[in-house]
Amino acid sequence: MIPDFFNSPEPMTHIGAWRSILGLLIVLFATFVGVEIHIGNEDEES
């Protein structure tokens, strides 16, 4: 029973790592979408 308790924090670290990677991907995606919208607005004005 005790080894199970000590092994439980490890999956939490993987979840934390995946959460960080997912957050980074969302930020990068939002940046590219923002640039695309900005370029689209410049095309409409000219």
C-alpha atoms as a PDB file:
ATOM      1  CA  MET A   1       0.000   0.000   0.000  1.00  0.00           C
ATOM      2  CA  ILE A   2       2.764   2.453   0.890  1.00  0.00           C
ATOM      3  CA  PRO A   3       4.621   2.211  -2.492  1.00  0.00           C
ATOM      4  CA  ASP A   4       1.371   3.175  -4.262  1.00  0.00           C
ATOM      5  CA  PHE A   5       1.289   6.350  -2.209  1.00  0.00           C
ATOM      6  CA  PHE A   6       4.853   7.268  -3.226  1.00  0.00           C
ATOM      7  CA  ASN A   7       4.184   6.514  -6.912  1.00  0.00           C
ATOM      8  CA  SER A   8       1.092   8.757  -7.061  1.00  0.00           C
ATOM      9  CA  PRO A   9       2.937  12.138  -7.342  1.00  0.00           C
ATOM     10  CA  GLU A  10       4.645  11.058 -10.599  1.00  0.00           C
ATOM     11  CA  PRO A  11       1.504  11.119 -12.812  1.00  0.00           C
ATOM     12  CA  MET A  12       0.740  14.574 -11.385  1.00  0.00           C
ATOM     13  CA  THR A  13       4.090  15.808 -12.748  1.00  0.00           C
ATOM     14  CA  HIS A  14       3.204  14.445 -16.179  1.00  0.00           C
ATOM     15  CA  ILE A  15      -0.181  16.182 -15.988  1.00  0.00           C
ATOM     16  CA  GLY A  16       1.583  19.427 -15.082  1.00  0.00           C
ATOM     17  CA  ALA A  17       3.976  19.054 -18.004  1.00  0.00           C
ATOM     18  CA  TRP A  18       1.131  18.309 -20.446  1.00  0.00           C
ATOM     19  CA  ARG A  19      -0.808  21.292 -19.086  1.00  0.00           C
ATOM     20  CA  SER A  20       2.207  23.550 -19.720  1.00  0.00           C
ATOM     21  CA  ILE A  21       2.686  22.208 -23.252  1.00  0.00           C
ATOM     22  CA  LEU A  22      -1.012  22.570 -24.010  1.00  0.00           C
ATOM     23  CA  GLY A  23      -1.009  26.146 -22.701  1.00  0.00           C
ATOM     24  CA  LEU A  24       1.999  26.990 -24.857  1.00  0.00           C
ATOM     25  CA  LEU A  25       0.311  25.541 -27.948  1.00  0.00           C
ATOM     26  CA  ILE A  26      -2.836  27.570 -27.240  1.00  0.00           C
ATOM     27  CA  VAL A  27      -0.778  30.764 -26.909  1.00  0.00           C
ATOM     28  CA  LEU A  28       1.081  30.057 -30.171  1.00  0.00           C
ATOM     29  CA  PHE A  29      -2.178  29.267 -31.974  1.00  0.00           C
ATOM     30  CA  ALA A  30      -3.790  32.465 -30.662  1.00  0.00           C
ATOM     31  CA  THR A  31      -0.731  34.463 -31.788  1.00  0.00           C
ATOM     32  CA  PHE A  32      -0.922  33.082 -35.330  1.00  0.00           C
ATOM     33  CA  VAL A  33      -4.682  33.689 -35.486  1.00  0.00           C
ATOM     34  CA  GLY A  34      -4.142  37.265 -34.280  1.00  0.00           C
ATOM     35  CA  VAL A  35      -1.501  37.861 -36.955  1.00  0.00           C
ATOM     36  CA  GLU A  36      -3.800  36.391 -39.604  1.00  0.00           C
ATOM     37  CA  ILE A  37      -6.668  38.672 -38.560  1.00  0.00           C
ATOM     38  CA  HIS A  38      -4.323  41.685 -38.501  1.00  0.00           C
ATOM     39  CA  ILE A  39      -3.055  40.916 -42.030  1.00  0.00           C
ATOM     40  CA  GLY A  40      -6.649  40.391 -43.189  1.00  0.00           C
ATOM     41  CA  ASN A  41      -7.648  43.804 -41.840  1.00  0.00           C
ATOM     42  CA  GLU A  42      -4.768  45.490 -43.669  1.00  0.00           C
ATOM     43  CA  ASP A  43      -5.838  43.886 -46.939  1.00  0.00           C
ATOM     44  CA  GLU A  44      -9.409  45.178 -46.557  1.00  0.00           C
ATOM     45  CA  GLU A  45      -8.278  48.782 -45.885  1.00  0.00           C
ATOM     46  CA  SER A  46      -6.101  49.084 -48.994  1.00  0.00           C
END
